[in-house]
PDB file of N, CA and C in Angstrom:
ATOM      1  N   MET A   1       0.663  24.469  27.607  1.00  0.00           N
ATOM      2  CA  MET A   1       0.619  23.042  27.383  1.00  0.00           C
ATOM      3  C   MET A   1       1.804  22.403  28.088  1.00  0.00           C
ATOM      4  N   SER A   2       1.551  21.296  28.724  1.00  0.00           N
ATOM      5  CA  SER A   2       2.632  20.600  29.415  1.00  0.00           C
ATOM      6  C   SER A   2       3.433  19.760  28.418  1.00  0.00           C
ATOM      7  N   THR A   3       4.631  19.407  28.813  1.00  0.00           N
ATOM      8  CA  THR A   3       5.493  18.628  27.914  1.00  0.00           C
ATOM      9  C   THR A   3       4.945  17.220  27.716  1.00  0.00           C
ATOM     10  N   GLY A   4       4.290  16.683  28.742  1.00  0.00           N
ATOM     11  CA  GLY A   4       3.697  15.349  28.599  1.00  0.00           C
ATOM     12  C   GLY A   4       2.614  15.318  27.542  1.00  0.00           C
ATOM     13  N   LEU A   5       1.814  16.386  27.486  1.00  0.00           N
ATOM     14  CA  LEU A   5       0.753  16.468  26.488  1.00  0.00           C
ATOM     15  C   LEU A   5       1.323  16.631  25.086  1.00  0.00           C
ATOM     16  N   VAL A   6       2.386  17.394  24.950  1.00  0.00           N
ATOM     17  CA  VAL A   6       3.043  17.569  23.648  1.00  0.00           C
ATOM     18  C   VAL A   6       3.621  16.245  23.168  1.00  0.00           C
ATOM     19  N   ILE A   7       4.248  15.505  24.073  1.00  0.00           N
ATOM     20  CA  ILE A   7       4.818  14.201  23.700  1.00  0.00           C
ATOM     21  C   ILE A   7       3.702  13.241  23.298  1.00  0.00           C
ATOM     22  N   GLN A   8       2.587  13.290  24.030  1.00  0.00           N
ATOM     23  CA  GLN A   8       1.458  12.429  23.691  1.00  0.00           C
ATOM     24  C   GLN A   8       0.921  12.756  22.306  1.00  0.00           C
ATOM     25  N   TYR A   9       0.766  14.024  21.986  1.00  0.00           N
ATOM     26  CA  TYR A   9       0.298  14.414  20.652  1.00  0.00           C
ATOM     27  C   TYR A   9       1.281  13.990  19.568  1.00  0.00           C
ATOM     28  N   MET A  10       2.561  14.091  19.839  1.00  0.00           N
ATOM     29  CA  MET A  10       3.557  13.681  18.853  1.00  0.00           C
ATOM     30  C   MET A  10       3.503  12.176  18.610  1.00  0.00           C
ATOM     31  N   VAL A  11       3.347  11.390  19.664  1.00  0.00           N
ATOM     32  CA  VAL A  11       3.285   9.932  19.517  1.00  0.00           C
ATOM     33  C   VAL A  11       2.026   9.538  18.750  1.00  0.00           C
ATOM     34  N   VAL A  12       0.885  10.131  19.094  1.00  0.00           N
ATOM     35  CA  VAL A  12      -0.357   9.824  18.388  1.00  0.00           C
ATOM     36  C   VAL A  12      -0.251  10.232  16.920  1.00  0.00           C
ATOM     37  N   GLY A  13       0.348  11.389  16.654  1.00  0.00           N
ATOM     38  CA  GLY A  13       0.530  11.834  15.276  1.00  0.00           C
ATOM     39  C   GLY A  13       1.418  10.895  14.481  1.00  0.00           C
ATOM     40  N   LEU A  14       2.487  10.394  15.095  1.00  0.00           N
ATOM     41  CA  LEU A  14       3.370   9.450  14.407  1.00  0.00           C
ATOM     42  C   LEU A  14       2.670   8.125  14.121  1.00  0.00           C
ATOM     43  N   VAL A  15       1.849   7.664  15.066  1.00  0.00           N
ATOM     44  CA  VAL A  15       1.116   6.411  14.862  1.00  0.00           C
ATOM     45  C   VAL A  15       0.109   6.572  13.719  1.00  0.00           C
ATOM     46  N   VAL A  16      -0.597   7.688  13.697  1.00  0.00           N
ATOM     47  CA  VAL A  16      -1.569   7.932  12.626  1.00  0.00           C
ATOM     48  C   VAL A  16      -0.854   8.051  11.276  1.00  0.00           C
ATOM     49  N   LEU A  17       0.268   8.753  11.236  1.00  0.00           N
ATOM     50  CA  LEU A  17       1.026   8.886   9.992  1.00  0.00           C
ATOM     51  C   LEU A  17       1.543   7.541   9.507  1.00  0.00           C
ATOM     52  N   ALA A  18       2.065   6.726  10.413  1.00  0.00           N
ATOM     53  CA  ALA A  18       2.574   5.409  10.026  1.00  0.00           C
ATOM     54  C   ALA A  18       1.460   4.522   9.497  1.00  0.00           C
ATOM     55  N   SER A  19       0.293   4.535  10.134  1.00  0.00           N
ATOM     56  CA  SER A  19      -0.807   3.694   9.655  1.00  0.00           C
ATOM     57  C   SER A  19      -1.353   4.198   8.321  1.00  0.00           C
ATOM     58  N   ALA A  20      -1.364   5.506   8.115  1.00  0.00           N
ATOM     59  CA  ALA A  20      -1.822   6.050   6.835  1.00  0.00           C
ATOM     60  C   ALA A  20      -0.849   5.664   5.712  1.00  0.00           C
ATOM     61  N   LEU A  21       0.448   5.736   5.980  1.00  0.00           N
ATOM     62  CA  LEU A  21       1.432   5.339   4.968  1.00  0.00           C
ATOM     63  C   LEU A  21       1.332   3.851   4.648  1.00  0.00           C
ATOM     64  N   TYR A  22       1.106   3.043   5.666  1.00  0.00           N
ATOM     65  CA  TYR A  22       0.964   1.601   5.447  1.00  0.00           C
ATOM     66  C   TYR A  22      -0.267   1.307   4.585  1.00  0.00           C
ATOM     67  N   ALA A  23      -1.378   1.950   4.904  1.00  0.00           N
ATOM     68  CA  ALA A  23      -2.598   1.738   4.132  1.00  0.00           C
ATOM     69  C   ALA A  23      -2.423   2.224   2.698  1.00  0.00           C
ATOM     70  N   PHE A  24      -1.775   3.369   2.525  1.00  0.00           N
ATOM     71  CA  PHE A  24      -1.552   3.899   1.180  1.00  0.00           C
ATOM     72  C   PHE A  24      -0.653   2.967   0.382  1.00  0.00           C
ATOM     73  N   ARG A  25       0.336   2.391   1.033  1.00  0.00           N
ATOM     74  CA  ARG A  25       1.249   1.462   0.368  1.00  0.00           C
ATOM     75  C   ARG A  25       0.505   0.207  -0.085  1.00  0.00           C
ATOM     76  N   LYS A  26      -0.435  -0.259   0.736  1.00  0.00           N
ATOM     77  CA  LYS A  26      -1.198  -1.455   0.376  1.00  0.00           C
ATOM     78  C   LYS A  26      -2.224  -1.180  -0.719  1.00  0.00           C
ATOM     79  N   LEU A  27      -2.817   0.017  -0.726  1.00  0.00           N
ATOM     80  CA  LEU A  27      -3.884   0.321  -1.676  1.00  0.00           C
ATOM     81  C   LEU A  27      -3.383   0.857  -3.006  1.00  0.00           C
ATOM     82  N   ALA A  28      -2.214   1.466  -3.028  1.00  0.00           N
ATOM     83  CA  ALA A  28      -1.675   2.027  -4.272  1.00  0.00           C
ATOM     84  C   ALA A  28      -0.193   1.664  -4.417  1.00  0.00           C
ATOM     85  N   PRO A  29       0.115   0.390  -4.678  1.00  0.00           N
ATOM     86  CA  PRO A  29       1.525  -0.006  -4.732  1.00  0.00           C
ATOM     87  C   PRO A  29       2.291   0.579  -5.918  1.00  0.00           C
ATOM     88  N   LEU A  30       1.650   0.747  -7.063  1.00  0.00           N
ATOM     89  CA  LEU A  30       2.378   1.293  -8.215  1.00  0.00           C
ATOM     90  C   LEU A  30       2.754   2.751  -7.987  1.00  0.00           C
ATOM     91  N   LEU A  31       1.841   3.519  -7.438  1.00  0.00           N
ATOM     92  CA  LEU A  31       2.114   4.925  -7.173  1.00  0.00           C
ATOM     93  C   LEU A  31       3.212   5.090  -6.133  1.00  0.00           C
ATOM     94  N   THR A  32       3.152   4.321  -5.065  1.00  0.00           N
ATOM     95  CA  THR A  32       4.197   4.446  -4.051  1.00  0.00           C
ATOM     96  C   THR A  32       5.537   3.954  -4.562  1.00  0.00           C
ATOM     97  N   ASN A  33       5.543   2.958  -5.441  1.00  0.00           N
ATOM     98  CA  ASN A  33       6.812   2.528  -6.035  1.00  0.00           C
ATOM     99  C   ASN A  33       7.418   3.630  -6.891  1.00  0.00           C
ATOM    100  N   ARG A  34       6.575   4.364  -7.626  1.00  0.00           N
ATOM    101  CA  ARG A  34       7.095   5.490  -8.415  1.00  0.00           C
ATOM    102  C   ARG A  34       7.656   6.573  -7.514  1.00  0.00           C
ATOM    103  N   TRP A  35       6.952   6.874  -6.428  1.00  0.00           N
ATOM    104  CA  TRP A  35       7.427   7.894  -5.497  1.00  0.00           C
ATOM    105  C   TRP A  35       8.743   7.481  -4.841  1.00  0.00           C
ATOM    106  N   LEU A  36       8.837   6.197  -4.450  1.00  0.00           N
ATOM    107  CA  LEU A  36      10.080   5.719  -3.848  1.00  0.00           C
ATOM    108  C   LEU A  36      11.229   5.749  -4.845  1.00  0.00           C
ATOM    109  N   ALA A  37      10.951   5.416  -6.098  1.00  0.00           N
ATOM    110  CA  ALA A  37      12.006   5.455  -7.116  1.00  0.00           C
ATOM    111  C   ALA A  37      12.479   6.884  -7.348  1.00  0.00           C
ATOM    112  N   ALA A  38      11.562   7.843  -7.374  1.00  0.00           N
ATOM    113  CA  ALA A  38      11.951   9.241  -7.569  1.00  0.00           C
ATOM    114  C   ALA A  38      12.778   9.749  -6.389  1.00  0.00           C
ATOM    115  N   ALA A  39      12.364   9.398  -5.179  1.00  0.00           N
ATOM    116  CA  ALA A  39      13.128   9.824  -3.996  1.00  0.00           C
ATOM    117  C   ALA A  39      14.487   9.147  -3.972  1.00  0.00           C
ATOM    118  N   SER A  40      14.543   7.889  -4.378  1.00  0.00           N
ATOM    119  CA  SER A  40      15.810   7.168  -4.399  1.00  0.00           C
ATOM    120  C   SER A  40      16.793   7.788  -5.386  1.00  0.00           C
ATOM    121  N   ILE A  41      16.316   8.158  -6.553  1.00  0.00           N
ATOM    122  CA  ILE A  41      17.184   8.790  -7.552  1.00  0.00           C
ATOM    123  C   ILE A  41      17.693  10.138  -7.038  1.00  0.00           C
ATOM    124  N   ARG A  42      16.796  10.883  -6.414  1.00  0.00           N
ATOM    125  CA  ARG A  42      17.187  12.203  -5.910  1.00  0.00           C
ATOM    126  C   ARG A  42      18.223  12.106  -4.792  1.00  0.00           C
ATOM    127  N   PHE A  43      18.049  11.143  -3.879  1.00  0.00           N
ATOM    128  CA  PHE A  43      18.971  11.022  -2.753  1.00  0.00           C
ATOM    129  C   PHE A  43      20.281  10.339  -3.120  1.00  0.00           C
ATOM    130  N   SER A  44      20.314   9.548  -4.177  1.00  0.00           N
ATOM    131  CA  SER A  44      21.501   8.771  -4.525  1.00  0.00           C
ATOM    132  C   SER A  44      22.514   9.534  -5.371  1.00  0.00           C
ATOM    133  N   GLN A  45      22.327  10.803  -5.599  1.00  0.00           N
ATOM    134  CA  GLN A  45      23.259  11.572  -6.415  1.00  0.00           C
ATOM    135  C   GLN A  45      24.591  11.737  -5.687  1.00  0.00           C
ATOM    136  N   PRO A  46      25.687  11.781  -6.430  1.00  0.00           N
ATOM    137  CA  PRO A  46      27.017  11.748  -5.812  1.00  0.00           C
ATOM    138  C   PRO A  46      27.359  12.972  -4.946  1.00  0.00           C
ATOM    139  N   HIS A  47      26.707  14.102  -5.126  1.00  0.00           N
ATOM    140  CA  HIS A  47      27.068  15.275  -4.321  1.00  0.00           C
ATOM    141  C   HIS A  47      26.379  15.305  -2.962  1.00  0.00           C
ATOM    142  N   HIS A  48      25.557  14.294  -2.658  1.00  0.00           N
ATOM    143  CA  HIS A  48      24.901  14.218  -1.350  1.00  0.00           C
ATOM    144  C   HIS A  48      25.809  13.521  -0.344  1.00  0.00           C
ATOM    145  N   ALA A  49      25.468  13.670   0.927  1.00  0.00           N
ATOM    146  CA  ALA A  49      26.230  13.022   1.993  1.00  0.00           C
ATOM    147  C   ALA A  49      26.074  11.508   1.907  1.00  0.00           C
ATOM    148  N   ALA A  50      27.000  10.802   2.536  1.00  0.00           N
ATOM    149  CA  ALA A  50      26.995   9.340   2.454  1.00  0.00           C
ATOM    150  C   ALA A  50      25.742   8.750   3.086  1.00  0.00           C
ATOM    151  N   TRP A  51      25.286   9.314   4.190  1.00  0.00           N
ATOM    152  CA  TRP A  51      24.096   8.768   4.844  1.00  0.00           C
ATOM    153  C   TRP A  51      22.849   8.985   3.989  1.00  0.00           C
ATOM    154  N   LEU A  52      22.830  10.090   3.232  1.00  0.00           N
ATOM    155  CA  LEU A  52      21.689  10.352   2.360  1.00  0.00           C
ATOM    156  C   LEU A  52      21.715   9.424   1.146  1.00  0.00           C
ATOM    157  N   ARG A  53      22.897   9.130   0.633  1.00  0.00           N
ATOM    158  CA  ARG A  53      23.003   8.150  -0.454  1.00  0.00           C
ATOM    159  C   ARG A  53      22.603   6.766   0.018  1.00  0.00           C
ATOM    160  N   ALA A  54      22.961   6.419   1.262  1.00  0.00           N
ATOM    161  CA  ALA A  54      22.556   5.119   1.815  1.00  0.00           C
ATOM    162  C   ALA A  54      21.037   5.057   1.964  1.00  0.00           C
ATOM    163  N   LEU A  55      20.429   6.159   2.364  1.00  0.00           N
ATOM    164  CA  LEU A  55      18.972   6.206   2.456  1.00  0.00           C
ATOM    165  C   LEU A  55      18.343   6.050   1.077  1.00  0.00           C
ATOM    166  N   GLY A  56      18.927   6.696   0.072  1.00  0.00           N
ATOM    167  CA  GLY A  56      18.435   6.554  -1.293  1.00  0.00           C
ATOM    168  C   GLY A  56      18.547   5.129  -1.792  1.00  0.00           C
ATOM    169  N   TYR A  57      19.608   4.444  -1.407  1.00  0.00           N
ATOM    170  CA  TYR A  57      19.763   3.044  -1.794  1.00  0.00           C
ATOM    171  C   TYR A  57      18.703   2.178  -1.124  1.00  0.00           C
ATOM    172  N   ARG A  58      18.406   2.461   0.134  1.00  0.00           N
ATOM    173  CA  ARG A  58      17.396   1.679   0.855  1.00  0.00           C
ATOM    174  C   ARG A  58      15.982   1.955   0.359  1.00  0.00           C
ATOM    175  N   LEU A  59      15.748   3.140  -0.213  1.00  0.00           N
ATOM    176  CA  LEU A  59      14.418   3.493  -0.692  1.00  0.00           C
ATOM    177  C   LEU A  59      14.094   2.909  -2.063  1.00  0.00           C
ATOM    178  N   GLN A  60      15.076   2.317  -2.722  1.00  0.00           N
ATOM    179  CA  GLN A  60      14.817   1.760  -4.041  1.00  0.00           C
ATOM    180  C   GLN A  60      13.723   0.701  -3.949  1.00  0.00           C
ATOM    181  N   PRO A  61      12.686   0.817  -4.793  1.00  0.00           N
ATOM    182  CA  PRO A  61      11.614  -0.178  -4.734  1.00  0.00           C
ATOM    183  C   PRO A  61      12.098  -1.526  -5.243  1.00  0.00           C
ATOM    184  N   LYS A  62      11.488  -2.575  -4.706  1.00  0.00           N
ATOM    185  CA  LYS A  62      11.837  -3.920  -5.142  1.00  0.00           C
ATOM    186  C   LYS A  62      11.321  -4.136  -6.553  1.00  0.00           C
ATOM    187  N   GLN A  63      12.032  -4.925  -7.305  1.00  0.00           N
ATOM    188  CA  GLN A  63      11.627  -5.219  -8.669  1.00  0.00           C
ATOM    189  C   GLN A  63      10.434  -6.166  -8.654  1.00  0.00           C
ATOM    190  N   ALA A  64       9.606  -6.067  -9.651  1.00  0.00           N
ATOM    191  CA  ALA A  64       8.446  -6.945  -9.771  1.00  0.00           C
ATOM    192  C   ALA A  64       8.921  -8.363 -10.033  1.00  0.00           C
ATOM    193  N   THR A  65       8.423  -9.300  -9.256  1.00  0.00           N
ATOM    194  CA  THR A  65       8.848 -10.687  -9.389  1.00  0.00           C
ATOM    195  C   THR A  65       7.850 -11.517 -10.166  1.00  0.00           C
ATOM    196  N   GLY A  66       6.695 -10.939 -10.451  1.00  0.00           N
ATOM    197  CA  GLY A  66       5.683 -11.686 -11.174  1.00  0.00           C
ATOM    198  C   GLY A  66       4.746 -12.445 -10.265  1.00  0.00           C
ATOM    199  N   SER A  67       4.929 -12.301  -8.957  1.00  0.00           N
ATOM    200  CA  SER A  67       3.996 -12.983  -8.051  1.00  0.00           C
ATOM    201  C   SER A  67       2.737 -12.140  -7.909  1.00  0.00           C
ATOM    202  N   CYS A  68       1.741 -12.698  -7.314  1.00  0.00           N
ATOM    203  CA  CYS A  68       0.452 -12.021  -7.218  1.00  0.00           C
ATOM    204  C   CYS A  68       0.438 -10.909  -6.176  1.00  0.00           C
ATOM    205  N   SER A  69       1.456 -10.788  -5.369  1.00  0.00           N
ATOM    206  CA  SER A  69       1.409  -9.791  -4.307  1.00  0.00           C
ATOM    207  C   SER A  69       2.278  -8.569  -4.582  1.00  0.00           C
ATOM    208  N   ASP A  70       2.926  -8.474  -5.744  1.00  0.00           N
ATOM    209  CA  ASP A  70       3.800  -7.326  -5.957  1.00  0.00           C
ATOM    210  C   ASP A  70       3.098  -6.142  -6.606  1.00  0.00           C
ATOM    211  N   GLY A  71       1.882  -6.307  -7.092  1.00  0.00           N
ATOM    212  CA  GLY A  71       1.117  -5.184  -7.613  1.00  0.00           C
ATOM    213  C   GLY A  71       1.583  -4.664  -8.955  1.00  0.00           C
ATOM    214  N   CYS A  72       2.241  -5.495  -9.751  1.00  0.00           N
ATOM    215  CA  CYS A  72       2.766  -5.013 -11.021  1.00  0.00           C
ATOM    216  C   CYS A  72       1.677  -4.892 -12.081  1.00  0.00           C
ATOM    217  N   SER A  73       0.618  -5.636 -11.977  1.00  0.00           N
ATOM    218  CA  SER A  73      -0.542  -5.658 -12.882  1.00  0.00           C
ATOM    219  C   SER A  73      -0.157  -5.922 -14.340  1.00  0.00           C
ATOM    220  N   THR A  74       0.875  -6.709 -14.560  1.00  0.00           N
ATOM    221  CA  THR A  74       1.262  -7.030 -15.928  1.00  0.00           C
ATOM    222  C   THR A  74       0.511  -8.239 -16.467  1.00  0.00           C
ATOM    223  N   CYS A  75       0.106  -9.127 -15.573  1.00  0.00           N
ATOM    224  CA  CYS A  75      -0.560 -10.339 -16.046  1.00  0.00           C
ATOM    225  C   CYS A  75      -2.076 -10.247 -15.942  1.00  0.00           C
ATOM    226  N   GLY A  76      -2.583  -9.238 -15.252  1.00  0.00           N
ATOM    227  CA  GLY A  76      -4.011  -9.086 -15.091  1.00  0.00           C
ATOM    228  C   GLY A  76      -4.608 -10.003 -14.041  1.00  0.00           C
ATOM    229  N   ALA A  77      -3.763 -10.672 -13.271  1.00  0.00           N
ATOM    230  CA  ALA A  77      -4.252 -11.597 -12.265  1.00  0.00           C
ATOM    231  C   ALA A  77      -4.398 -10.936 -10.897  1.00  0.00           C
ATOM    232  N   CYS A  78      -4.018  -9.684 -10.785  1.00  0.00           N
ATOM    233  CA  CYS A  78      -4.124  -9.002  -9.493  1.00  0.00           C
ATOM    234  C   CYS A  78      -5.577  -8.625  -9.222  1.00  0.00           C
ATOM    235  N   GLY A  79      -5.931  -8.589  -7.976  1.00  0.00           N
ATOM    236  CA  GLY A  79      -7.269  -8.185  -7.598  1.00  0.00           C
ATOM    237  C   GLY A  79      -8.187  -9.368  -7.425  1.00  0.00           C
ATOM    238  N   PRO A  80      -9.396  -9.104  -7.015  1.00  0.00           N
ATOM    239  CA  PRO A  80     -10.335 -10.207  -6.776  1.00  0.00           C
ATOM    240  C   PRO A  80     -10.797 -10.842  -8.075  1.00  0.00           C
ATOM    241  N   LYS A  81     -10.976 -12.113  -8.011  1.00  0.00           N
ATOM    242  CA  LYS A  81     -11.443 -12.843  -9.184  1.00  0.00           C
ATOM    243  C   LYS A  81     -12.972 -12.943  -9.125  1.00  0.00           C
ATOM    244  N   PRO A  82     -13.643 -12.819 -10.260  1.00  0.00           N
ATOM    245  CA  PRO A  82     -15.106 -12.952 -10.247  1.00  0.00           C
ATOM    246  C   PRO A  82     -15.492 -14.398  -9.958  1.00  0.00           C
ATOM    247  N   PRO A  83     -16.627 -14.605  -9.314  1.00  0.00           N
ATOM    248  CA  PRO A  83     -17.035 -15.981  -9.024  1.00  0.00           C
ATOM    249  C   PRO A  83     -17.372 -16.731 -10.308  1.00  0.00           C
ATOM    250  N   ALA A  84     -17.008 -17.979 -10.307  1.00  0.00           N
ATOM    251  CA  ALA A  84     -17.268 -18.811 -11.482  1.00  0.00           C
ATOM    252  C   ALA A  84     -18.723 -19.247 -11.462  1.00  0.00           C
ATOM    253  N   ALA A  85     -19.434 -18.917 -12.503  1.00  0.00           N
ATOM    254  CA  ALA A  85     -20.847 -19.284 -12.605  1.00  0.00           C
ATOM    255  C   ALA A  85     -21.002 -20.329 -13.693  1.00  0.00           C
ATOM    256  N   ALA A  86     -21.650 -21.409 -13.351  1.00  0.00           N
ATOM    257  CA  ALA A  86     -21.897 -22.461 -14.331  1.00  0.00           C
ATOM    258  C   ALA A  86     -23.100 -22.063 -15.187  1.00  0.00           C
ATOM    259  N   LYS A  87     -23.074 -22.469 -16.438  1.00  0.00           N
ATOM    260  CA  LYS A  87     -24.168 -22.132 -17.342  1.00  0.00           C
ATOM    261  C   LYS A  87     -25.409 -22.932 -16.958  1.00  0.00           C
ATOM    262  N   GLY A  88     -26.545 -22.275 -16.954  1.00  0.00           N
ATOM    263  CA  GLY A  88     -27.793 -22.953 -16.662  1.00  0.00           C
ATOM    264  C   GLY A  88     -28.100 -23.081 -15.181  1.00  0.00           C
ATOM    265  N   ASP A  89     -27.149 -22.813 -14.322  1.00  0.00           N
ATOM    266  CA  ASP A  89     -27.386 -22.896 -12.881  1.00  0.00           C
ATOM    267  C   ASP A  89     -27.828 -21.535 -12.373  1.00  0.00           C
ATOM    268  N   THR A  90     -29.113 -21.410 -12.177  1.00  0.00           N
ATOM    269  CA  THR A  90     -29.640 -20.174 -11.621  1.00  0.00           C
ATOM    270  C   THR A  90     -30.218 -20.467 -10.254  1.00  0.00           C
ATOM    271  N   ILE A  91     -30.067 -19.522  -9.377  1.00  0.00           N
ATOM    272  CA  ILE A  91     -30.602 -19.660  -8.030  1.00  0.00           C
ATOM    273  C   ILE A  91     -31.745 -18.666  -7.903  1.00  0.00           C
ATOM    274  N   PRO A  92     -32.965 -19.170  -7.666  1.00  0.00           N
ATOM    275  CA  PRO A  92     -34.095 -18.246  -7.564  1.00  0.00           C
ATOM    276  C   PRO A  92     -34.032 -17.458  -6.253  1.00  0.00           C
ATOM    277  N   LEU A  93     -34.557 -16.245  -6.294  1.00  0.00           N
ATOM    278  CA  LEU A  93     -34.644 -15.435  -5.095  1.00  0.00           C
ATOM    279  C   LEU A  93     -35.776 -15.936  -4.223  1.00  0.00           C
ATOM    280  N   GLU A  94     -35.553 -15.945  -2.951  1.00  0.00           N
ATOM    281  CA  GLU A  94     -36.564 -16.397  -2.013  1.00  0.00           C
ATOM    282  C   GLU A  94     -36.765 -15.305  -0.973  1.00  0.00           C
ATOM    283  N   PHE A  95     -37.957 -14.739  -0.920  1.00  0.00           N
ATOM    284  CA  PHE A  95     -38.259 -13.673   0.018  1.00  0.00           C
ATOM    285  C   PHE A  95     -38.953 -14.257   1.236  1.00  0.00           C
ATOM    286  N   ARG A  96     -38.474 -13.895   2.402  1.00  0.00           N
ATOM    287  CA  ARG A  96     -39.052 -14.373   3.650  1.00  0.00           C
ATOM    288  C   ARG A  96     -39.451 -13.164   4.485  1.00  0.00           C
ATOM    289  N   PRO A  97     -40.614 -13.223   5.107  1.00  0.00           N
ATOM    290  CA  PRO A  97     -41.020 -12.097   5.967  1.00  0.00           C
ATOM    291  C   PRO A  97     -40.235 -12.133   7.280  1.00  0.00           C
ATOM    292  N   HIS A  98     -40.000 -10.933   7.832  1.00  0.00           N
ATOM    293  CA  HIS A  98     -39.306 -10.841   9.116  1.00  0.00           C
ATOM    294  C   HIS A  98     -40.206 -11.351  10.230  1.00  0.00           C
ATOM    295  N   LYS A  99     -39.624 -12.044  11.167  1.00  0.00           N
ATOM    296  CA  LYS A  99     -40.387 -12.503  12.324  1.00  0.00           C
ATOM    297  C   LYS A  99     -40.408 -11.373  13.352  1.00  0.00           C
ATOM    298  N   ARG A 100     -41.581 -11.099  13.871  1.00  0.00           N
ATOM    299  CA  ARG A 100     -41.688 -10.025  14.862  1.00  0.00           C
ATOM    300  C   ARG A 100     -41.992 -10.554  16.220  1.00  0.00           C
TER     301      ARG A 100
END
């Protein structure tokens, strides 16, 4: 294998890993916050190197602010809202044949 091909595989692998982490962060914010908090506690211990403690400090998850985008799910307002249906307003189904 040539070095150019190895570098290409490494770059593609990093892009795929970064996009997977981003998607996982968006789809499971509570789980990733727990994982970040656990890693932060582990890295922030006093017997670690200074750069590792700084990394642990940076990994600390942000506190829930109560806005709709933090994923805290304390108010129950997160996620899609069901459509508001008025009482008595029904829409009949209308079947149409396909035009050929």
